[in-house]
Amino acid sequence: DGSAYMHAFGPVGRAHGPLPFQHYWLRAADEGDAGSLAEYSLNE
C-alpha cells in the first residue's frame, strides 16, 4: 500500500554507444547519483 510506478509508453532515457540507458542508470544508482527511473520518461 502506498507504492506506485508506471509502465509508460515510449523511451526511458537515451542509449549511449552500444548500450541501452539502463546500464548507465544502474551504474549511477550504484554510485548513489541516479534519479528514479520515472524521471527519465517524458511520458510518465
PDB file of all heavy atoms in Angstrom:
ATOM      1  N   ASP A   1       0.832  -1.196   0.000  1.00  0.00           N
ATOM      2  CA  ASP A   1       0.000   0.000   0.000  1.00  0.00           C
ATOM      3  C   ASP A   1       0.870   1.250   0.000  1.00  0.00           C
ATOM      4  O   ASP A   1       1.849   1.353   0.748  1.00  0.00           O
ATOM      5  CB  ASP A   1      -0.924   0.001   1.212  1.00  0.00           C
ATOM      6  CG  ASP A   1      -1.993  -1.080   1.128  1.00  0.00           C
ATOM      7  OD1 ASP A   1      -2.247  -1.567   0.011  1.00  0.00           O
ATOM      8  OD2 ASP A   1      -2.563  -1.445   2.177  1.00  0.00           O
ATOM      9  N   GLY A   2       0.519   2.203  -0.840  1.00  0.00           N
ATOM     10  CA  GLY A   2       1.273   3.446  -0.947  1.00  0.00           C
ATOM     11  C   GLY A   2       2.330   3.435  -2.024  1.00  0.00           C
ATOM     12  O   GLY A   2       2.852   4.497  -2.385  1.00  0.00           O
ATOM     13  N   SER A   3       2.654   2.269  -2.553  1.00  0.00           N
ATOM     14  CA  SER A   3       3.649   2.187  -3.626  1.00  0.00           C
ATOM     15  C   SER A   3       2.993   2.458  -4.968  1.00  0.00           C
ATOM     16  O   SER A   3       1.789   2.264  -5.141  1.00  0.00           O
ATOM     17  CB  SER A   3       4.311   0.807  -3.652  1.00  0.00           C
ATOM     18  OG  SER A   3       3.354  -0.190  -4.012  1.00  0.00           O
ATOM     19  N   ALA A   4       3.768   2.920  -5.931  1.00  0.00           N
ATOM     20  CA  ALA A   4       3.245   3.162  -7.285  1.00  0.00           C
ATOM     21  C   ALA A   4       4.405   3.308  -8.249  1.00  0.00           C
ATOM     22  O   ALA A   4       5.447   3.868  -7.917  1.00  0.00           O
ATOM     23  CB  ALA A   4       2.376   4.414  -7.329  1.00  0.00           C
ATOM     24  N   TYR A   5       4.218   2.778  -9.434  1.00  0.00           N
ATOM     25  CA  TYR A   5       5.147   3.003 -10.534  1.00  0.00           C
ATOM     26  C   TYR A   5       4.323   2.997 -11.809  1.00  0.00           C
ATOM     27  O   TYR A   5       3.138   2.654 -11.804  1.00  0.00           O
ATOM     28  CB  TYR A   5       6.243   1.925 -10.585  1.00  0.00           C
ATOM     29  CG  TYR A   5       5.771   0.576 -11.085  1.00  0.00           C
ATOM     30  CD1 TYR A   5       5.882   0.221 -12.440  1.00  0.00           C
ATOM     31  CD2 TYR A   5       5.207  -0.355 -10.217  1.00  0.00           C
ATOM     32  CE1 TYR A   5       5.444  -1.008 -12.901  1.00  0.00           C
ATOM     33  CE2 TYR A   5       4.775  -1.591 -10.673  1.00  0.00           C
ATOM     34  CZ  TYR A   5       4.889  -1.921 -12.018  1.00  0.00           C
ATOM     35  OH  TYR A   5       4.457  -3.134 -12.481  1.00  0.00           O
ATOM     36  N   MET A   6       4.940   3.386 -12.913  1.00  0.00           N
ATOM     37  CA  MET A   6       4.219   3.453 -14.174  1.00  0.00           C
ATOM     38  C   MET A   6       4.966   2.698 -15.261  1.00  0.00           C
ATOM     39  O   MET A   6       6.185   2.794 -15.370  1.00  0.00           O
ATOM     40  CB  MET A   6       4.008   4.907 -14.610  1.00  0.00           C
ATOM     41  CG  MET A   6       3.110   5.060 -15.830  1.00  0.00           C
ATOM     42  SD  MET A   6       2.677   6.790 -16.214  1.00  0.00           S
ATOM     43  CE  MET A   6       1.546   7.161 -14.859  1.00  0.00           C
ATOM     44  N   HIS A   7       4.222   1.909 -16.014  1.00  0.00           N
ATOM     45  CA  HIS A   7       4.720   1.371 -17.282  1.00  0.00           C
ATOM     46  C   HIS A   7       4.265   2.370 -18.341  1.00  0.00           C
ATOM     47  O   HIS A   7       3.130   2.328 -18.816  1.00  0.00           O
ATOM     48  CB  HIS A   7       4.161  -0.021 -17.550  1.00  0.00           C
ATOM     49  CG  HIS A   7       4.488  -0.546 -18.915  1.00  0.00           C
ATOM     50  ND1 HIS A   7       3.861  -1.631 -19.472  1.00  0.00           N
ATOM     51  CD2 HIS A   7       5.396  -0.129 -19.853  1.00  0.00           C
ATOM     52  CE1 HIS A   7       4.338  -1.853 -20.679  1.00  0.00           C
ATOM     53  NE2 HIS A   7       5.265  -0.951 -20.926  1.00  0.00           N
ATOM     54  N   ALA A   8       5.149   3.286 -18.665  1.00  0.00           N
ATOM     55  CA  ALA A   8       4.830   4.352 -19.619  1.00  0.00           C
ATOM     56  C   ALA A   8       5.258   3.947 -21.020  1.00  0.00           C
ATOM     57  O   ALA A   8       6.230   3.206 -21.190  1.00  0.00           O
ATOM     58  CB  ALA A   8       5.527   5.647 -19.207  1.00  0.00           C
ATOM     59  N   PHE A   9       4.543   4.430 -22.010  1.00  0.00           N
ATOM     60  CA  PHE A   9       4.938   4.193 -23.389  1.00  0.00           C
ATOM     61  C   PHE A   9       6.162   5.054 -23.710  1.00  0.00           C
ATOM     62  O   PHE A   9       6.413   6.076 -23.079  1.00  0.00           O
ATOM     63  CB  PHE A   9       3.803   4.544 -24.344  1.00  0.00           C
ATOM     64  CG  PHE A   9       2.512   3.818 -24.057  1.00  0.00           C
ATOM     65  CD1 PHE A   9       1.301   4.500 -24.065  1.00  0.00           C
ATOM     66  CD2 PHE A   9       2.510   2.460 -23.776  1.00  0.00           C
ATOM     67  CE1 PHE A   9       0.107   3.845 -23.803  1.00  0.00           C
ATOM     68  CE2 PHE A   9       1.313   1.789 -23.506  1.00  0.00           C
ATOM     69  CZ  PHE A   9       0.120   2.487 -23.522  1.00  0.00           C
ATOM     70  N   GLY A  10       6.882   4.634 -24.718  1.00  0.00           N
ATOM     71  CA  GLY A  10       7.993   5.450 -25.188  1.00  0.00           C
ATOM     72  C   GLY A  10       9.286   5.172 -24.445  1.00  0.00           C
ATOM     73  O   GLY A  10       9.352   4.339 -23.538  1.00  0.00           O
ATOM     74  N   PRO A  11      10.344   5.885 -24.824  1.00  0.00           N
ATOM     75  CA  PRO A  11      11.663   5.623 -24.251  1.00  0.00           C
ATOM     76  C   PRO A  11      11.770   6.059 -22.798  1.00  0.00           C
ATOM     77  O   PRO A  11      11.052   6.959 -22.344  1.00  0.00           O
ATOM     78  CB  PRO A  11      12.599   6.445 -25.147  1.00  0.00           C
ATOM     79  CG  PRO A  11      11.740   7.556 -25.669  1.00  0.00           C
ATOM     80  CD  PRO A  11      10.374   6.959 -25.836  1.00  0.00           C
ATOM     81  N   VAL A  12      12.659   5.407 -22.091  1.00  0.00           N
ATOM     82  CA  VAL A  12      13.074   5.830 -20.757  1.00  0.00           C
ATOM     83  C   VAL A  12      14.571   6.086 -20.862  1.00  0.00           C
ATOM     84  O   VAL A  12      15.366   5.153 -21.005  1.00  0.00           O
ATOM     85  CB  VAL A  12      12.771   4.768 -19.695  1.00  0.00           C
ATOM     86  CG1 VAL A  12      13.319   5.201 -18.331  1.00  0.00           C
ATOM     87  CG2 VAL A  12      11.268   4.510 -19.604  1.00  0.00           C
ATOM     88  N   GLY A  13      14.965   7.344 -20.824  1.00  0.00           N
ATOM     89  CA  GLY A  13      16.366   7.686 -21.009  1.00  0.00           C
ATOM     90  C   GLY A  13      16.818   7.496 -22.446  1.00  0.00           C
ATOM     91  O   GLY A  13      16.048   7.105 -23.329  1.00  0.00           O
ATOM     92  N   ARG A  14      18.107   7.798 -22.680  1.00  0.00           N
ATOM     93  CA  ARG A  14      18.694   7.659 -24.012  1.00  0.00           C
ATOM     94  C   ARG A  14      19.807   6.629 -23.985  1.00  0.00           C
ATOM     95  O   ARG A  14      20.563   6.525 -23.017  1.00  0.00           O
ATOM     96  CB  ARG A  14      19.281   8.998 -24.487  1.00  0.00           C
ATOM     97  CG  ARG A  14      18.268  10.030 -24.869  1.00  0.00           C
ATOM     98  CD  ARG A  14      18.933  11.200 -25.610  1.00  0.00           C
ATOM     99  NE  ARG A  14      19.808  11.992 -24.736  1.00  0.00           N
ATOM    100  CZ  ARG A  14      21.132  11.989 -24.804  1.00  0.00           C
ATOM    101  NH1 ARG A  14      21.772  11.192 -25.665  1.00  0.00           N
ATOM    102  NH2 ARG A  14      21.854  12.782 -24.011  1.00  0.00           N
ATOM    103  N   ALA A  15      19.877   5.877 -25.060  1.00  0.00           N
ATOM    104  CA  ALA A  15      21.006   4.960 -25.208  1.00  0.00           C
ATOM    105  C   ALA A  15      22.277   5.766 -25.426  1.00  0.00           C
ATOM    106  O   ALA A  15      22.245   6.939 -25.837  1.00  0.00           O
ATOM    107  CB  ALA A  15      20.759   4.025 -26.389  1.00  0.00           C
ATOM    108  N   HIS A  16      23.415   5.138 -25.161  1.00  0.00           N
ATOM    109  CA  HIS A  16      24.710   5.783 -25.425  1.00  0.00           C
ATOM    110  C   HIS A  16      25.661   4.721 -25.952  1.00  0.00           C
ATOM    111  O   HIS A  16      25.886   3.704 -25.297  1.00  0.00           O
ATOM    112  CB  HIS A  16      25.276   6.421 -24.160  1.00  0.00           C
ATOM    113  CG  HIS A  16      26.595   7.119 -24.380  1.00  0.00           C
ATOM    114  ND1 HIS A  16      26.680   8.358 -25.014  1.00  0.00           N
ATOM    115  CD2 HIS A  16      27.868   6.752 -24.084  1.00  0.00           C
ATOM    116  CE1 HIS A  16      27.951   8.718 -25.073  1.00  0.00           C
ATOM    117  NE2 HIS A  16      28.689   7.764 -24.527  1.00  0.00           N
ATOM    118  N   GLY A  17      26.195   4.963 -27.131  1.00  0.00           N
ATOM    119  CA  GLY A  17      27.072   3.961 -27.730  1.00  0.00           C
ATOM    120  C   GLY A  17      26.295   2.669 -27.953  1.00  0.00           C
ATOM    121  O   GLY A  17      25.148   2.688 -28.407  1.00  0.00           O
ATOM    122  N   PRO A  18      26.870   1.532 -27.600  1.00  0.00           N
ATOM    123  CA  PRO A  18      26.203   0.254 -27.857  1.00  0.00           C
ATOM    124  C   PRO A  18      25.219  -0.142 -26.772  1.00  0.00           C
ATOM    125  O   PRO A  18      24.560  -1.179 -26.898  1.00  0.00           O
ATOM    126  CB  PRO A  18      27.371  -0.736 -27.899  1.00  0.00           C
ATOM    127  CG  PRO A  18      28.374  -0.158 -26.944  1.00  0.00           C
ATOM    128  CD  PRO A  18      28.252   1.348 -27.101  1.00  0.00           C
ATOM    129  N   LEU A  19      25.111   0.659 -25.702  1.00  0.00           N
ATOM    130  CA  LEU A  19      24.341   0.226 -24.543  1.00  0.00           C
ATOM    131  C   LEU A  19      23.022   0.980 -24.410  1.00  0.00           C
ATOM    132  O   LEU A  19      22.976   2.202 -24.601  1.00  0.00           O
ATOM    133  CB  LEU A  19      25.138   0.438 -23.254  1.00  0.00           C
ATOM    134  CG  LEU A  19      26.449  -0.328 -23.095  1.00  0.00           C
ATOM    135  CD1 LEU A  19      27.044  -0.044 -21.722  1.00  0.00           C
ATOM    136  CD2 LEU A  19      26.244  -1.824 -23.296  1.00  0.00           C
ATOM    137  N   PRO A  20      21.954   0.280 -24.027  1.00  0.00           N
ATOM    138  CA  PRO A  20      20.718   0.970 -23.678  1.00  0.00           C
ATOM    139  C   PRO A  20      20.889   1.722 -22.367  1.00  0.00           C
ATOM    140  O   PRO A  20      21.819   1.474 -21.584  1.00  0.00           O
ATOM    141  CB  PRO A  20      19.698  -0.165 -23.552  1.00  0.00           C
ATOM    142  CG  PRO A  20      20.498  -1.388 -23.248  1.00  0.00           C
ATOM    143  CD  PRO A  20      21.811  -1.192 -23.946  1.00  0.00           C
ATOM    144  N   PHE A  21      19.970   2.614 -22.107  1.00  0.00           N
ATOM    145  CA  PHE A  21      20.067   3.543 -20.982  1.00  0.00           C
ATOM    146  C   PHE A  21      20.234   2.861 -19.635  1.00  0.00           C
ATOM    147  O   PHE A  21      20.936   3.373 -18.747  1.00  0.00           O
ATOM    148  CB  PHE A  21      18.816   4.431 -20.969  1.00  0.00           C
ATOM    149  CG  PHE A  21      18.704   5.318 -19.772  1.00  0.00           C
ATOM    150  CD1 PHE A  21      19.464   6.468 -19.665  1.00  0.00           C
ATOM    151  CD2 PHE A  21      17.819   5.002 -18.736  1.00  0.00           C
ATOM    152  CE1 PHE A  21      19.358   7.308 -18.556  1.00  0.00           C
ATOM    153  CE2 PHE A  21      17.711   5.829 -17.629  1.00  0.00           C
ATOM    154  CZ  PHE A  21      18.480   6.981 -17.542  1.00  0.00           C
ATOM    155  N   GLN A  22      19.584   1.698 -19.449  1.00  0.00           N
ATOM    156  CA  GLN A  22      19.536   1.153 -18.093  1.00  0.00           C
ATOM    157  C   GLN A  22      20.911   0.848 -17.513  1.00  0.00           C
ATOM    158  O   GLN A  22      21.105   0.901 -16.296  1.00  0.00           O
ATOM    159  CB  GLN A  22      18.663  -0.109 -18.023  1.00  0.00           C
ATOM    160  CG  GLN A  22      19.282  -1.380 -18.582  1.00  0.00           C
ATOM    161  CD  GLN A  22      18.669  -1.753 -19.907  1.00  0.00           C
ATOM    162  OE1 GLN A  22      18.091  -0.899 -20.585  1.00  0.00           O
ATOM    163  NE2 GLN A  22      18.772  -3.015 -20.285  1.00  0.00           N
ATOM    164  N   HIS A  23      21.900   0.575 -18.370  1.00  0.00           N
ATOM    165  CA  HIS A  23      23.224   0.260 -17.829  1.00  0.00           C
ATOM    166  C   HIS A  23      23.867   1.496 -17.199  1.00  0.00           C
ATOM    167  O   HIS A  23      24.535   1.402 -16.149  1.00  0.00           O
ATOM    168  CB  HIS A  23      24.118  -0.312 -18.926  1.00  0.00           C
ATOM    169  CG  HIS A  23      23.689  -1.671 -19.370  1.00  0.00           C
ATOM    170  ND1 HIS A  23      23.927  -2.802 -18.633  1.00  0.00           N
ATOM    171  CD2 HIS A  23      23.002  -2.081 -20.474  1.00  0.00           C
ATOM    172  CE1 HIS A  23      23.430  -3.857 -19.262  1.00  0.00           C
ATOM    173  NE2 HIS A  23      22.856  -3.442 -20.386  1.00  0.00           N
ATOM    174  N   TYR A  24      23.677   2.667 -17.790  1.00  0.00           N
ATOM    175  CA  TYR A  24      24.197   3.904 -17.203  1.00  0.00           C
ATOM    176  C   TYR A  24      23.399   4.280 -15.956  1.00  0.00           C
ATOM    177  O   TYR A  24      23.957   4.767 -14.969  1.00  0.00           O
ATOM    178  CB  TYR A  24      24.164   5.020 -18.244  1.00  0.00           C
ATOM    179  CG  TYR A  24      25.087   4.729 -19.399  1.00  0.00           C
ATOM    180  CD1 TYR A  24      24.612   4.146 -20.574  1.00  0.00           C
ATOM    181  CD2 TYR A  24      26.454   4.983 -19.294  1.00  0.00           C
ATOM    182  CE1 TYR A  24      25.463   3.841 -21.618  1.00  0.00           C
ATOM    183  CE2 TYR A  24      27.324   4.690 -20.340  1.00  0.00           C
ATOM    184  CZ  TYR A  24      26.818   4.116 -21.494  1.00  0.00           C
ATOM    185  OH  TYR A  24      27.681   3.796 -22.526  1.00  0.00           O
ATOM    186  N   TRP A  25      22.106   4.036 -15.999  1.00  0.00           N
ATOM    187  CA  TRP A  25      21.270   4.298 -14.833  1.00  0.00           C
ATOM    188  C   TRP A  25      21.641   3.374 -13.676  1.00  0.00           C
ATOM    189  O   TRP A  25      21.725   3.817 -12.513  1.00  0.00           O
ATOM    190  CB  TRP A  25      19.802   4.139 -15.217  1.00  0.00           C
ATOM    191  CG  TRP A  25      18.852   4.346 -14.074  1.00  0.00           C
ATOM    192  CD1 TRP A  25      18.529   5.530 -13.487  1.00  0.00           C
ATOM    193  CD2 TRP A  25      18.101   3.334 -13.397  1.00  0.00           C
ATOM    194  NE1 TRP A  25      17.615   5.328 -12.478  1.00  0.00           N
ATOM    195  CE2 TRP A  25      17.334   3.995 -12.401  1.00  0.00           C
ATOM    196  CE3 TRP A  25      17.987   1.956 -13.539  1.00  0.00           C
ATOM    197  CZ2 TRP A  25      16.466   3.300 -11.551  1.00  0.00           C
ATOM    198  CZ3 TRP A  25      17.135   1.260 -12.694  1.00  0.00           C
ATOM    199  CH2 TRP A  25      16.383   1.931 -11.705  1.00  0.00           C
ATOM    200  N   LEU A  26      21.876   2.104 -13.967  1.00  0.00           N
ATOM    201  CA  LEU A  26      22.273   1.156 -12.926  1.00  0.00           C
ATOM    202  C   LEU A  26      23.616   1.542 -12.316  1.00  0.00           C
ATOM    203  O   LEU A  26      23.813   1.466 -11.095  1.00  0.00           O
ATOM    204  CB  LEU A  26      22.338  -0.259 -13.498  1.00  0.00           C
ATOM    205  CG  LEU A  26      20.992  -0.919 -13.817  1.00  0.00           C
ATOM    206  CD1 LEU A  26      21.197  -2.176 -14.656  1.00  0.00           C
ATOM    207  CD2 LEU A  26      20.227  -1.248 -12.531  1.00  0.00           C
ATOM    208  N   ARG A  27      24.553   1.958 -13.153  1.00  0.00           N
ATOM    209  CA  ARG A  27      25.847   2.393 -12.622  1.00  0.00           C
ATOM    210  C   ARG A  27      25.663   3.590 -11.700  1.00  0.00           C
ATOM    211  O   ARG A  27      26.204   3.640 -10.584  1.00  0.00           O
ATOM    212  CB  ARG A  27      26.800   2.752 -13.761  1.00  0.00           C
ATOM    213  CG  ARG A  27      28.133   3.311 -13.236  1.00  0.00           C
ATOM    214  CD  ARG A  27      28.918   4.050 -14.292  1.00  0.00           C
ATOM    215  NE  ARG A  27      29.853   4.987 -13.661  1.00  0.00           N
ATOM    216  CZ  ARG A  27      30.649   5.804 -14.331  1.00  0.00           C
ATOM    217  NH1 ARG A  27      30.600   5.830 -15.661  1.00  0.00           N
ATOM    218  NH2 ARG A  27      31.454   6.624 -13.681  1.00  0.00           N
ATOM    219  N   ALA A  28      24.897   4.580 -12.167  1.00  0.00           N
ATOM    220  CA  ALA A  28      24.677   5.776 -11.352  1.00  0.00           C
ATOM    221  C   ALA A  28      23.961   5.426 -10.050  1.00  0.00           C
ATOM    222  O   ALA A  28      24.247   6.013  -8.994  1.00  0.00           O
ATOM    223  CB  ALA A  28      23.885   6.809 -12.143  1.00  0.00           C
ATOM    224  N   ALA A  29      23.029   4.481 -10.109  1.00  0.00           N
ATOM    225  CA  ALA A  29      22.329   4.061  -8.898  1.00  0.00           C
ATOM    226  C   ALA A  29      23.306   3.425  -7.907  1.00  0.00           C
ATOM    227  O   ALA A  29      23.215   3.668  -6.697  1.00  0.00           O
ATOM    228  CB  ALA A  29      21.207   3.094  -9.257  1.00  0.00           C
ATOM    229  N   ASP A  30      24.205   2.610  -8.421  1.00  0.00           N
ATOM    230  CA  ASP A  30      25.213   2.001  -7.548  1.00  0.00           C
ATOM    231  C   ASP A  30      26.068   3.073  -6.862  1.00  0.00           C
ATOM    232  O   ASP A  30      26.508   2.897  -5.717  1.00  0.00           O
ATOM    233  CB  ASP A  30      26.129   1.067  -8.358  1.00  0.00           C
ATOM    234  CG  ASP A  30      25.428  -0.213  -8.771  1.00  0.00           C
ATOM    235  OD1 ASP A  30      24.378  -0.531  -8.170  1.00  0.00           O
ATOM    236  OD2 ASP A  30      25.922  -0.887  -9.695  1.00  0.00           O
ATOM    237  N   GLU A  31      26.288   4.174  -7.567  1.00  0.00           N
ATOM    238  CA  GLU A  31      27.132   5.251  -7.035  1.00  0.00           C
ATOM    239  C   GLU A  31      26.323   6.291  -6.267  1.00  0.00           C
ATOM    240  O   GLU A  31      26.878   7.284  -5.778  1.00  0.00           O
ATOM    241  CB  GLU A  31      27.888   5.921  -8.186  1.00  0.00           C
ATOM    242  CG  GLU A  31      28.850   4.980  -8.905  1.00  0.00           C
ATOM    243  CD  GLU A  31      29.458   5.579 -10.166  1.00  0.00           C
ATOM    244  OE1 GLU A  31      29.045   6.705 -10.551  1.00  0.00           O
ATOM    245  OE2 GLU A  31      30.320   4.929 -10.777  1.00  0.00           O
ATOM    246  N   GLY A  32      25.011   6.074  -6.175  1.00  0.00           N
ATOM    247  CA  GLY A  32      24.157   6.986  -5.429  1.00  0.00           C
ATOM    248  C   GLY A  32      23.827   8.271  -6.146  1.00  0.00           C
ATOM    249  O   GLY A  32      23.405   9.247  -5.512  1.00  0.00           O
ATOM    250  N   ASP A  33      23.973   8.293  -7.474  1.00  0.00           N
ATOM    251  CA  ASP A  33      23.800   9.540  -8.227  1.00  0.00           C
ATOM    252  C   ASP A  33      22.620   9.521  -9.195  1.00  0.00           C
ATOM    253  O   ASP A  33      22.453  10.467  -9.965  1.00  0.00           O
ATOM    254  CB  ASP A  33      25.083   9.848  -9.020  1.00  0.00           C
ATOM    255  CG  ASP A  33      26.267  10.116  -8.116  1.00  0.00           C
ATOM    256  OD1 ASP A  33      26.058  10.641  -7.010  1.00  0.00           O
ATOM    257  OD2 ASP A  33      27.402   9.787  -8.515  1.00  0.00           O
ATOM    258  N   ALA A  34      21.821   8.465  -9.194  1.00  0.00           N
ATOM    259  CA  ALA A  34      20.730   8.359 -10.169  1.00  0.00           C
ATOM    260  C   ALA A  34      19.417   8.841  -9.585  1.00  0.00           C
ATOM    261  O   ALA A  34      19.134   8.651  -8.396  1.00  0.00           O
ATOM    262  CB  ALA A  34      20.582   6.910 -10.633  1.00  0.00           C
ATOM    263  N   GLY A  35      18.600   9.459 -10.433  1.00  0.00           N
ATOM    264  CA  GLY A  35      17.225   9.733 -10.044  1.00  0.00           C
ATOM    265  C   GLY A  35      16.398   8.468 -10.209  1.00  0.00           C
ATOM    266  O   GLY A  35      16.895   7.417 -10.632  1.00  0.00           O
ATOM    267  N   SER A  36      15.119   8.548  -9.881  1.00  0.00           N
ATOM    268  CA  SER A  36      14.245   7.412 -10.121  1.00  0.00           C
ATOM    269  C   SER A  36      14.110   7.193 -11.620  1.00  0.00           C
ATOM    270  O   SER A  36      14.283   8.124 -12.418  1.00  0.00           O
ATOM    271  CB  SER A  36      12.868   7.649  -9.505  1.00  0.00           C
ATOM    272  OG  SER A  36      12.195   8.690 -10.196  1.00  0.00           O
ATOM    273  N   LEU A  37      13.809   5.984 -12.011  1.00  0.00           N
ATOM    274  CA  LEU A  37      13.649   5.680 -13.431  1.00  0.00           C
ATOM    275  C   LEU A  37      12.598   6.581 -14.068  1.00  0.00           C
ATOM    276  O   LEU A  37      12.736   6.999 -15.227  1.00  0.00           O
ATOM    277  CB  LEU A  37      13.265   4.207 -13.580  1.00  0.00           C
ATOM    278  CG  LEU A  37      13.457   3.567 -14.957  1.00  0.00           C
ATOM    279  CD1 LEU A  37      14.931   3.573 -15.366  1.00  0.00           C
ATOM    280  CD2 LEU A  37      12.911   2.145 -14.948  1.00  0.00           C
ATOM    281  N   ALA A  38      11.577   6.906 -13.307  1.00  0.00           N
ATOM    282  CA  ALA A  38      10.487   7.737 -13.828  1.00  0.00           C
ATOM    283  C   ALA A  38      10.953   9.115 -14.277  1.00  0.00           C
ATOM    284  O   ALA A  38      10.355   9.717 -15.168  1.00  0.00           O
ATOM    285  CB  ALA A  38       9.404   7.888 -12.769  1.00  0.00           C
ATOM    286  N   GLU A  39      12.021   9.623 -13.684  1.00  0.00           N
ATOM    287  CA  GLU A  39      12.492  10.966 -14.019  1.00  0.00           C
ATOM    288  C   GLU A  39      13.023  11.060 -15.444  1.00  0.00           C
ATOM    289  O   GLU A  39      13.182  12.169 -15.968  1.00  0.00           O
ATOM    290  CB  GLU A  39      13.577  11.398 -13.030  1.00  0.00           C
ATOM    291  CG  GLU A  39      13.078  11.587 -11.607  1.00  0.00           C
ATOM    292  CD  GLU A  39      14.196  11.971 -10.660  1.00  0.00           C
ATOM    293  OE1 GLU A  39      14.922  12.939 -10.971  1.00  0.00           O
ATOM    294  OE2 GLU A  39      14.366  11.306  -9.622  1.00  0.00           O
ATOM    295  N   TYR A  40      13.288   9.928 -16.068  1.00  0.00           N
ATOM    296  CA  TYR A  40      13.862   9.918 -17.414  1.00  0.00           C
ATOM    297  C   TYR A  40      12.830   9.518 -18.470  1.00  0.00           C
ATOM    298  O   TYR A  40      13.192   9.233 -19.610  1.00  0.00           O
ATOM    299  CB  TYR A  40      15.063   8.973 -17.447  1.00  0.00           C
ATOM    300  CG  TYR A  40      16.086   9.316 -16.379  1.00  0.00           C
ATOM    301  CD1 TYR A  40      16.109   8.630 -15.174  1.00  0.00           C
ATOM    302  CD2 TYR A  40      16.994  10.356 -16.570  1.00  0.00           C
ATOM    303  CE1 TYR A  40      17.029   8.959 -14.177  1.00  0.00           C
ATOM    304  CE2 TYR A  40      17.917  10.688 -15.583  1.00  0.00           C
ATOM    305  CZ  TYR A  40      17.924   9.984 -14.388  1.00  0.00           C
ATOM    306  OH  TYR A  40      18.823  10.321 -13.406  1.00  0.00           O
ATOM    307  N   SER A  41      11.564   9.490 -18.088  1.00  0.00           N
ATOM    308  CA  SER A  41      10.478   9.143 -19.009  1.00  0.00           C
ATOM    309  C   SER A  41       9.601  10.361 -19.255  1.00  0.00           C
ATOM    310  O   SER A  41       8.911  10.830 -18.343  1.00  0.00           O
ATOM    311  CB  SER A  41       9.627   8.004 -18.431  1.00  0.00           C
ATOM    312  OG  SER A  41       8.402   7.883 -19.129  1.00  0.00           O
ATOM    313  N   LEU A  42       9.619  10.894 -20.474  1.00  0.00           N
ATOM    314  CA  LEU A  42       8.758  12.022 -20.805  1.00  0.00           C
ATOM    315  C   LEU A  42       7.294  11.646 -20.643  1.00  0.00           C
ATOM    316  O   LEU A  42       6.491  12.426 -20.110  1.00  0.00           O
ATOM    317  CB  LEU A  42       9.022  12.484 -22.247  1.00  0.00           C
ATOM    318  CG  LEU A  42       8.086  13.567 -22.789  1.00  0.00           C
ATOM    319  CD1 LEU A  42       8.180  14.845 -21.959  1.00  0.00           C
ATOM    320  CD2 LEU A  42       8.379  13.850 -24.260  1.00  0.00           C
ATOM    321  N   ASN A  43       6.916  10.449 -21.100  1.00  0.00           N
ATOM    322  CA  ASN A  43       5.516  10.043 -20.999  1.00  0.00           C
ATOM    323  C   ASN A  43       5.039   9.996 -19.555  1.00  0.00           C
ATOM    324  O   ASN A  43       3.936  10.449 -19.234  1.00  0.00           O
ATOM    325  CB  ASN A  43       5.315   8.680 -21.666  1.00  0.00           C
ATOM    326  CG  ASN A  43       4.919   8.800 -23.120  1.00  0.00           C
ATOM    327  OD1 ASN A  43       5.473   9.612 -23.854  1.00  0.00           O
ATOM    328  ND2 ASN A  43       3.973   7.988 -23.553  1.00  0.00           N
ATOM    329  N   GLU A  44       5.867   9.440 -18.674  1.00  0.00           N
ATOM    330  CA  GLU A  44       5.428   9.364 -17.277  1.00  0.00           C
ATOM    331  C   GLU A  44       5.340  10.743 -16.652  1.00  0.00           C
ATOM    332  O   GLU A  44       4.380  11.046 -15.933  1.00  0.00           O
ATOM    333  CB  GLU A  44       6.346   8.481 -16.445  1.00  0.00           C
ATOM    334  CG  GLU A  44       5.925   8.456 -14.984  1.00  0.00           C
ATOM    335  CD  GLU A  44       6.460   7.300 -14.173  1.00  0.00           C
ATOM    336  OE1 GLU A  44       7.155   6.434 -14.749  1.00  0.00           O
ATOM    337  OE2 GLU A  44       6.181   7.252 -12.960  1.00  0.00           O
TER     338      GLU A  44
END
